[in-house]
Protein backbone atom coordinates (compact mmCIF):
# COMPACT_ATOMS: atom_id res chain seq x y z
CA MET A 1 99.75 127.59 6.39
CA LEU A 2 99.29 130.34 3.78
CA SER A 3 99.96 130.40 0.05
CA MET A 4 99.56 133.09 -2.64
CA LEU A 5 98.31 131.97 -6.02
CA SER A 6 97.28 133.11 -9.50
CA VAL A 7 98.09 136.79 -9.84
CA THR A 8 96.17 138.27 -12.78
CA LYS A 9 96.13 141.56 -14.61
CA SER A 10 93.70 143.30 -16.97
CA VAL A 11 91.08 140.55 -17.20
CA THR A 12 87.64 141.47 -18.53
CA ALA A 13 84.63 140.64 -16.34
CA LYS A 14 81.02 141.72 -16.06
CA LYS A 15 80.52 145.32 -14.93
CA LEU A 16 79.99 145.48 -11.18
CA SER A 17 77.08 147.88 -11.73
CA LYS A 18 75.21 145.12 -13.60
CA ILE A 19 75.56 142.49 -10.87
CA ASN A 20 72.97 141.92 -8.15
CA LEU A 21 74.89 142.57 -4.92
CA SER A 22 72.09 141.73 -2.48
CA GLN A 23 74.33 139.17 -0.76
CA LEU A 24 76.10 142.15 0.83
CA TYR A 25 73.13 142.60 3.16
CA ASP A 26 71.93 139.00 3.43
CA GLU A 27 71.14 138.12 7.04
CA ASN A 28 72.02 134.47 6.34
CA ASN A 29 75.61 134.93 5.17
CA PHE A 30 77.74 132.28 6.86
CA SER A 31 80.39 134.83 7.82
CA PHE A 32 81.04 138.55 8.12
CA PHE A 33 84.54 139.92 7.67
CA GLN A 34 86.27 143.27 7.83
CA ALA A 35 89.23 144.80 6.01
CA VAL A 36 91.45 147.87 6.20
CA ILE A 37 93.68 149.33 3.51
CA TYR A 38 97.01 151.06 4.06
CA HIS A 39 99.02 152.66 1.28
CA LYS A 40 102.63 151.54 1.66
CA SER A 41 103.85 153.43 -1.42
CA ASP A 42 102.68 155.11 -4.59
CA SER A 43 102.40 151.71 -6.26
CA LEU A 44 101.48 149.26 -3.47
CA SER A 45 98.70 149.12 -0.92
CA GLN A 46 98.60 146.64 1.96
CA VAL A 47 95.23 145.03 2.70
CA TYR A 48 94.45 143.38 6.04
CA VAL A 49 91.43 141.07 6.28
CA SER A 50 89.97 140.01 9.61
CA LEU A 51 87.96 136.78 9.59
CA LYS A 52 86.60 134.31 12.13
CA PRO A 53 87.82 130.71 11.63
CA ASP A 54 84.87 129.36 13.64
CA ASP A 55 82.56 130.51 10.81
CA PHE A 56 84.24 127.94 8.54
CA ARG A 57 83.87 124.17 8.47
CA PHE A 58 86.69 122.14 10.03
CA VAL A 59 87.09 118.62 8.62
CA SER A 60 89.35 115.66 9.30
CA ASN A 61 92.51 115.38 7.21
CA ASN A 62 92.61 112.01 5.45
CA GLY A 63 91.04 110.19 8.36
CA THR A 64 93.51 111.52 10.94
CA THR A 65 92.64 113.23 14.20
CA VAL A 66 93.84 116.55 12.76
CA ILE A 67 91.00 118.78 11.63
CA SER A 68 91.42 121.87 9.50
CA ALA A 69 89.55 124.72 7.87
CA ASN A 70 90.52 125.46 4.27
CA ILE A 71 89.86 129.08 3.42
CA GLU A 72 90.31 130.94 0.17
CA VAL A 73 90.67 134.73 0.14
CA ARG A 74 90.42 136.33 -3.30
CA TYR A 75 90.55 139.92 -4.41
CA GLU A 76 89.74 141.80 -7.60
CA LEU A 77 90.66 145.44 -8.23
CA TYR A 78 88.48 147.59 -10.50
CA GLN A 79 88.77 151.20 -11.65
CA SER A 80 85.13 151.80 -10.69
CA TYR A 81 81.74 150.09 -10.44
CA GLU A 82 81.23 150.97 -14.11
CA SER A 83 84.38 149.13 -15.16
CA SER A 84 84.50 145.59 -16.54
CA VAL A 85 88.30 145.31 -16.37
CA ILE A 86 90.02 143.62 -13.44
CA LEU A 87 93.22 145.59 -12.95
CA ASP A 88 94.78 143.23 -10.42
CA SER A 89 93.73 140.02 -8.69
CA ALA A 90 95.11 137.16 -6.67
CA THR A 91 94.12 134.28 -4.43
CA VAL A 92 95.39 133.51 -0.94
CA LYS A 93 94.74 130.02 0.44
CA VAL A 94 94.88 129.40 4.17
CA THR A 95 94.82 126.10 6.05
CA ASP A 96 94.00 126.48 9.75
CA THR A 97 94.48 123.55 12.13
CA SER A 98 94.67 125.35 15.46
CA SER A 99 91.66 127.70 15.86
CA TYR A 100 88.68 125.34 16.05
CA GLY A 101 86.19 126.32 18.75
CA LYS A 102 88.43 129.00 20.26
CA GLY A 103 86.53 132.09 19.11
CA LEU A 104 89.69 133.55 17.63
CA GLU A 105 90.25 136.18 14.97
CA MET A 106 92.53 135.51 12.01
CA ILE A 107 94.24 138.26 10.02
CA VAL A 108 95.22 137.63 6.39
CA ASP A 109 97.17 140.33 4.57
CA PHE A 110 98.30 140.86 1.00
CA GLU A 111 99.58 143.58 -1.32
CA VAL A 112 97.52 145.15 -4.10
CA LYS A 113 99.08 146.95 -7.03
CA ALA A 114 97.29 150.32 -7.12
CA SER A 115 98.99 153.45 -8.43
CA PHE A 116 98.85 156.99 -7.12
CA PRO A 117 96.93 159.11 -8.00
CA GLY A 118 93.68 157.21 -8.44
CA ASN A 119 90.58 155.79 -6.78
CA TYR A 120 89.59 152.13 -7.15
CA VAL A 121 87.06 149.54 -6.05
CA LEU A 122 88.40 146.45 -4.28
CA LYS A 123 86.26 143.32 -4.13
CA ILE A 124 87.28 140.77 -1.49
CA ILE A 125 85.79 137.27 -1.53
CA LEU A 126 85.99 134.59 1.17
CA VAL A 127 85.37 130.96 0.21
CA ASP A 128 84.95 127.99 2.53
CA LEU A 129 86.66 125.23 0.55
CA ASN A 130 85.28 122.53 2.86
CA THR A 131 81.66 123.12 1.82
CA ARG A 132 79.93 122.81 -1.53
CA ARG A 133 77.17 125.42 -1.30
CA ASP A 134 76.55 128.78 0.34
CA ASN A 135 80.29 128.90 0.77
CA GLU A 136 81.15 132.36 -0.54
CA VAL A 137 80.78 135.87 0.88
CA PHE A 138 82.10 139.11 -0.54
CA ARG A 139 82.40 142.79 0.29
CA PHE A 140 83.52 145.91 -1.57
CA PHE A 141 85.97 148.51 -0.28
CA ASN A 142 86.89 151.88 -1.71
CA LEU A 143 90.62 152.07 -2.30
CA GLU A 144 91.22 155.82 -2.20
CA LYS A 145 94.59 156.90 -3.48
CA SER A 146 94.02 160.34 -4.99
CA GLU A 147 95.27 162.39 -2.01
CA LYS A 148 98.39 162.07 0.15
CA ASN A 149 96.59 162.93 3.39
CA SER A 150 93.44 160.80 2.96
CA ARG A 151 92.43 158.18 5.52
CA GLN A 152 94.16 155.18 3.95
CA ASN A 153 97.56 156.84 4.27
CA PHE A 154 97.21 156.06 7.99
CA LEU A 155 96.93 152.75 9.81
CA VAL A 156 95.39 152.42 13.26
CA THR A 157 96.91 149.60 15.32
CA ASP A 158 96.25 148.28 18.80
CA SER A 159 98.80 148.30 21.61
CA ASP A 160 100.28 145.04 20.24
CA GLY A 161 100.69 146.41 16.73
CA TYR A 162 97.76 144.59 15.09
CA PRO A 163 95.44 146.56 12.76
CA VAL A 164 92.22 147.98 14.20
CA PHE A 165 89.42 147.12 11.77
CA ASN A 166 86.77 149.58 12.91
CA SER A 167 86.70 153.34 12.61
CA PHE A 168 84.82 153.41 15.94
CA ILE A 169 86.99 153.15 19.04
CA GLN A 170 85.72 151.85 22.36
CA PRO A 171 86.05 153.83 25.60
CA GLY A 172 89.30 152.83 27.28
CA GLN A 173 90.70 151.33 24.05
CA TYR A 174 94.30 152.37 23.39
CA PHE A 175 95.78 152.57 19.90
CA HIS A 176 98.64 153.88 17.77
CA ILE A 177 98.46 155.74 14.45
CA LEU A 178 100.98 154.91 11.74
CA CYS A 179 101.55 157.45 8.94
CA ASN A 180 103.14 156.35 5.67
CA ASP A 181 104.96 159.69 5.38
CA THR A 182 107.74 159.46 7.96
CA SER A 183 108.54 163.17 7.47
CA VAL A 184 105.28 164.05 9.26
CA ARG A 185 106.19 165.03 12.81
CA LYS A 186 102.78 165.85 14.29
CA LEU A 187 99.08 165.25 13.81
CA PHE A 188 96.29 167.66 14.64
CA ILE A 189 93.14 166.14 16.14
CA ARG A 190 89.92 168.08 15.67
CA TYR A 191 87.29 166.99 18.18
CA TYR A 192 83.57 167.43 17.49
CA ASN A 193 81.09 166.88 20.29
CA GLN A 194 77.96 166.88 18.19
CA SER A 195 74.83 164.73 18.17
CA PHE A 196 72.78 164.03 15.06
CA PRO A 197 69.10 163.15 14.56
CA ILE A 198 67.86 159.75 13.43
CA ALA A 199 66.77 159.21 9.83
CA LYS A 200 63.41 160.60 8.76
CA THR A 201 60.70 158.43 7.22
CA PRO A 202 61.19 157.65 3.51
CA PHE A 203 58.29 159.90 2.54
CA ALA A 204 59.23 162.89 4.70
CA ASN A 205 59.85 166.26 3.08
CA VAL A 206 63.46 166.70 4.11
CA LYS A 207 65.52 169.71 3.22
CA ASP A 208 69.21 169.32 2.61
CA VAL A 209 71.05 170.29 5.77
CA THR A 210 74.58 171.63 5.71
CA TYR A 211 76.25 170.96 9.05
CA ARG A 212 78.73 173.57 10.15
CA PHE A 213 81.54 171.42 11.46
CA LYS A 214 83.39 173.73 13.80
CA PRO A 215 85.59 171.73 16.17
CA ASP A 216 84.97 171.99 19.90
CA SER A 217 88.69 171.61 20.48
CA ILE A 218 91.95 170.87 18.68
CA MET A 219 94.61 168.58 20.13
CA LEU A 220 98.08 167.63 19.00
CA THR A 221 100.09 164.41 19.03
CA GLU A 222 103.72 163.95 18.04
CA LEU A 223 104.97 161.30 15.62
CA ILE A 224 108.35 159.58 15.68
CA HIS A 225 109.26 157.97 12.34
CA GLY A 226 105.59 158.16 11.41
CA TYR A 227 104.42 156.43 14.59
CA SER A 228 102.30 157.95 17.36
CA PRO A 229 102.41 157.17 21.09
CA LEU A 230 99.50 155.24 22.60
CA LEU A 231 96.30 157.27 22.27
CA GLU A 232 92.71 157.01 23.45
CA LEU A 233 89.47 158.84 22.72
CA PRO A 234 88.37 160.31 26.05
CA ASN A 235 84.86 161.43 25.07
CA ARG A 236 82.00 160.48 22.81
CA GLY A 237 82.17 162.22 19.44
CA ILE A 238 84.12 162.62 16.20
CA TYR A 239 87.92 162.85 16.00
CA HIS A 240 89.30 164.08 12.68
CA ILE A 241 93.06 163.57 12.53
CA GLN A 242 95.16 165.55 10.05
CA PRO A 243 98.79 166.40 9.33
CA ASP A 244 97.70 169.72 7.75
CA LEU A 245 94.86 171.86 9.11
CA LYS A 246 94.63 173.77 5.83
CA LYS A 247 93.43 170.67 3.96
CA PRO A 248 90.20 168.73 4.62
CA ASP A 249 91.65 165.22 4.22
CA GLY A 250 92.57 163.03 7.15
CA LEU A 251 91.75 159.99 9.25
CA THR A 252 88.49 160.05 11.21
CA LEU A 253 87.75 157.96 14.29
CA PHE A 254 84.45 157.81 16.15
CA SER A 255 83.47 157.14 19.74
CA PHE A 256 79.87 155.95 20.05
CA ASP A 257 78.11 154.20 22.95
CA GLU A 258 80.03 151.65 24.98
CA GLY A 259 79.83 148.22 23.38
CA PHE A 260 79.05 149.59 19.91
CA PRO A 261 78.17 148.14 17.36
CA GLU A 262 76.31 145.80 19.70
CA ILE A 263 73.38 147.00 21.77
CA THR A 264 74.64 146.24 25.26
CA THR A 265 72.47 148.37 27.57
CA PRO A 266 68.72 148.97 27.93
CA ALA A 267 69.31 152.70 27.39
CA ALA A 268 70.93 151.98 24.00
CA ALA A 269 68.05 149.64 23.12
CA VAL A 270 65.35 152.25 23.69
CA ALA A 271 66.50 154.76 21.06
CA PRO A 272 66.02 152.52 17.94
CA LEU A 273 62.40 151.95 18.99
CA ARG A 274 61.66 155.49 17.82
CA TYR A 275 61.11 154.10 14.32
CA LEU A 276 58.21 151.93 15.57
CA THR A 277 56.53 154.34 17.98
CA THR A 278 54.44 157.47 17.99
CA SER A 279 55.84 160.52 19.77
CA LYS A 280 53.54 159.84 22.72
CA GLU A 281 54.58 156.19 22.96
CA TYR A 282 58.25 157.06 22.76
CA ASP A 283 57.96 159.73 25.46
CA LYS A 284 56.30 157.12 27.66
CA LEU A 285 59.24 154.74 27.15
CA LEU A 286 61.66 157.49 28.11
CA SER A 287 59.68 158.20 31.28
CA TYR A 288 60.40 154.74 32.72
CA ALA A 289 62.87 154.70 35.57
CA ASP A 290 63.99 151.26 34.36
CA TYR A 291 64.58 151.10 30.60
CA LYS A 292 64.61 147.30 30.59
CA SER A 293 61.07 147.32 31.92
CA ALA A 294 60.15 149.84 29.22
CA ILE A 295 61.53 147.61 26.46
CA ASP A 296 59.92 144.44 27.85
CA SER A 297 56.58 146.23 28.17
CA PHE A 298 56.74 147.52 24.58
CA TRP A 299 57.54 144.16 22.99
CA LEU A 300 55.17 142.13 25.18
CA GLU A 301 52.33 144.42 24.11
CA ARG A 302 53.30 143.92 20.45
CA ALA A 303 53.43 140.14 21.03
CA SER A 304 50.01 140.00 22.75
CA ASP A 305 51.70 139.11 26.07
CA ASN A 306 53.36 136.05 24.54
CA PRO A 307 56.88 136.04 26.05
CA GLU A 308 58.34 133.63 23.49
CA ARG A 309 57.05 135.68 20.55
CA ALA A 310 58.29 138.88 22.19
CA LYS A 311 61.72 137.31 22.61
CA ASN A 312 61.84 136.38 18.91
CA MET A 313 60.75 139.88 17.86
CA ILE A 314 63.43 141.45 20.06
CA LYS A 315 66.08 139.16 18.59
CA LYS A 316 65.04 139.95 15.01
CA TYR A 317 64.79 143.71 15.50
CA TYR A 318 68.03 144.22 17.38
CA SER A 319 70.01 141.87 15.14
CA ARG A 320 69.07 144.23 12.31
CA VAL A 321 70.07 147.22 14.40
CA GLN A 322 73.45 145.63 15.08
CA ASN A 323 73.93 144.65 11.42
CA ALA A 324 73.09 148.21 10.41
CA ASN A 325 75.75 149.47 12.83
CA LEU A 326 78.33 147.12 11.32
CA VAL A 327 77.62 147.88 7.67
CA PHE A 328 76.09 151.38 7.42
CA SER A 329 77.82 153.43 10.13
CA SER A 330 79.25 156.69 8.83
CA PHE A 331 79.64 159.79 10.99
CA VAL A 332 76.55 158.54 12.85
CA GLU A 333 75.62 155.10 14.09
CA GLY A 334 74.44 152.79 11.31
CA TRP A 335 70.92 152.41 12.67
CA LYS A 336 70.43 156.20 12.40
CA THR A 337 71.35 156.35 8.70
CA ASP A 338 68.95 156.25 5.75
CA ARG A 339 70.15 152.82 4.64
CA GLY A 340 70.00 151.59 8.22
CA LEU A 341 66.39 152.80 8.53
CA ILE A 342 65.22 150.97 5.39
CA TYR A 343 67.18 147.82 6.26
CA ILE A 344 65.79 147.62 9.81
CA ILE A 345 62.14 148.22 8.88
CA TYR A 346 61.88 146.47 5.50
CA GLY A 347 64.63 143.89 5.89
CA PRO A 348 67.39 142.98 3.44
CA PRO A 349 66.60 144.01 -0.17
CA THR A 350 66.02 141.38 -2.84
CA GLU A 351 68.26 143.11 -5.36
CA VAL A 352 71.07 145.65 -4.89
CA TYR A 353 72.86 147.49 -7.69
CA ARG A 354 75.74 149.88 -7.19
CA LYS A 355 77.11 152.60 -9.41
CA ASP A 356 79.76 155.15 -8.52
CA GLY A 357 77.98 157.38 -6.04
CA GLU A 358 74.66 155.52 -6.11
CA GLU A 359 73.03 152.45 -4.60
CA LYS A 360 69.70 150.98 -5.75
CA TRP A 361 67.66 148.63 -3.55
CA ILE A 362 64.75 146.60 -4.93
CA TYR A 363 62.20 144.71 -2.85
CA GLY A 364 60.70 142.26 -5.33
CA LYS A 365 62.04 141.84 -8.87
CA THR A 366 63.32 144.26 -11.48
CA GLY A 367 60.50 145.26 -13.82
CA ASN A 368 57.70 144.05 -11.55
CA PRO A 369 55.24 146.95 -11.03
CA LEU A 370 54.55 145.68 -7.51
CA SER A 371 58.21 145.92 -6.54
CA MET A 372 59.49 148.77 -4.43
CA THR A 373 62.73 150.58 -5.26
CA PHE A 374 64.86 152.86 -3.09
CA TYR A 375 67.70 155.03 -4.39
CA PHE A 376 70.56 156.16 -2.16
CA TYR A 377 73.10 158.76 -3.26
CA LYS A 378 76.58 159.13 -1.88
CA VAL A 379 77.24 162.30 0.12
CA ASP A 380 80.60 164.04 -0.03
CA ASN A 381 81.66 163.87 3.60
CA PRO A 382 85.15 164.69 4.97
CA PHE A 383 84.73 162.14 7.76
CA THR A 384 83.62 159.00 5.89
CA ASP A 385 83.15 157.35 2.51
CA ASN A 386 80.04 155.51 3.77
CA ASP A 387 77.50 158.36 3.92
CA TYR A 388 74.46 157.80 1.66
CA SER A 389 71.24 159.81 1.48
CA LEU A 390 67.84 158.37 0.49
CA SER A 391 65.88 159.93 -2.35
CA ARG A 392 62.57 160.36 -0.53
CA SER A 393 59.12 160.24 -2.10
CA PRO A 394 55.46 160.43 -0.97
CA SER A 395 54.94 157.15 -2.85
CA TYR A 396 56.63 155.27 0.02
CA LYS A 397 54.03 156.35 2.60
CA GLU A 398 51.61 153.43 2.25
CA SER A 399 54.32 150.74 2.24
CA TRP A 400 56.00 152.36 5.24
CA TYR A 401 52.90 152.21 7.42
CA ILE A 402 52.25 148.61 6.34
CA ALA A 403 55.83 147.67 7.30
CA ILE A 404 55.52 149.45 10.67
CA GLU A 405 52.21 147.76 11.36
CA ASN A 406 53.79 144.38 10.63
CA TRP A 407 56.31 145.10 13.39
CA ARG A 408 53.62 146.29 15.80
CA ARG A 409 51.25 143.34 15.61
């Protein structure tokens, strides 16, 4: 059962830039959800939210044998992170009596009033109405409506017509592309077979690098009434999909390692260890014929040959790698990004503040001279709106080596 309630317009709230958003990266959030946005018209955008009912509490209904989860999905639309005005908002309430213990995915969708041309910030909040505390999680999504060919003018669906919630596509995964402009008859697909280095240490002297994105090949797919045939991504890399090659805007899909964002093979588990190792140690890991033996050897040595402690360290480290892949992936895997690096090594920040084009992480408390602060700045990237670069400084050197040592002992 689903109901739509309390539509609101032009309500004043606290500026998003003044609110501590550290819950975004909290490892103890009771649920993680995803959302995609598709512009249906110049005035309306459709939002699809994917959530897991098993993350919510199911309770008995008035003493009957029927149990249900009661979920609230709210949204708030802002002009920017600097704005204190809620342009549009509403609440969707869902009662689920059929999903308990089945490991299913639920999709909730609703319309948002957002006019072209313009860019907005959409806050989506999930609330478990059957609990009294720790019952709310939220995420922010850029609603980009300034260009007719930008990514949210396309919707990727699976072979059954359901939205695909990730920009990374698995090997062997088939999908359709829906374009909101039914006059578009074909899409050009630029393929880039390019690998990128992992993030440098926070104190490294890094020069700005301009990547020359020349496609390795260009493919073509036809559209009928704005709908593509079934497609797949045959090779690892970046696929930038455009109706017009003369303009930079388009939809970008990525093909990373099989199983991504999870770490499903020993080979995939070796690479993130580069952050904890010297060059000599890492070369030794790569020399193993069996990467599982290499990983076990590395963590057992760190855990003083205590298998249980090694197991806990592996679980903690790779859960952060996976979380980084989910939240920070851009045109590279999330664990390779600057935010992924800091998150994996230092853990979730105590305080997070966001402005348009900037993110500030604090470990400690604002104003405390012992606290450590990292600044990330948004990079203009044709492939993603999730590319942030760390402002590096030699002042991070001591804390970095302390954090690495904590992982190594």
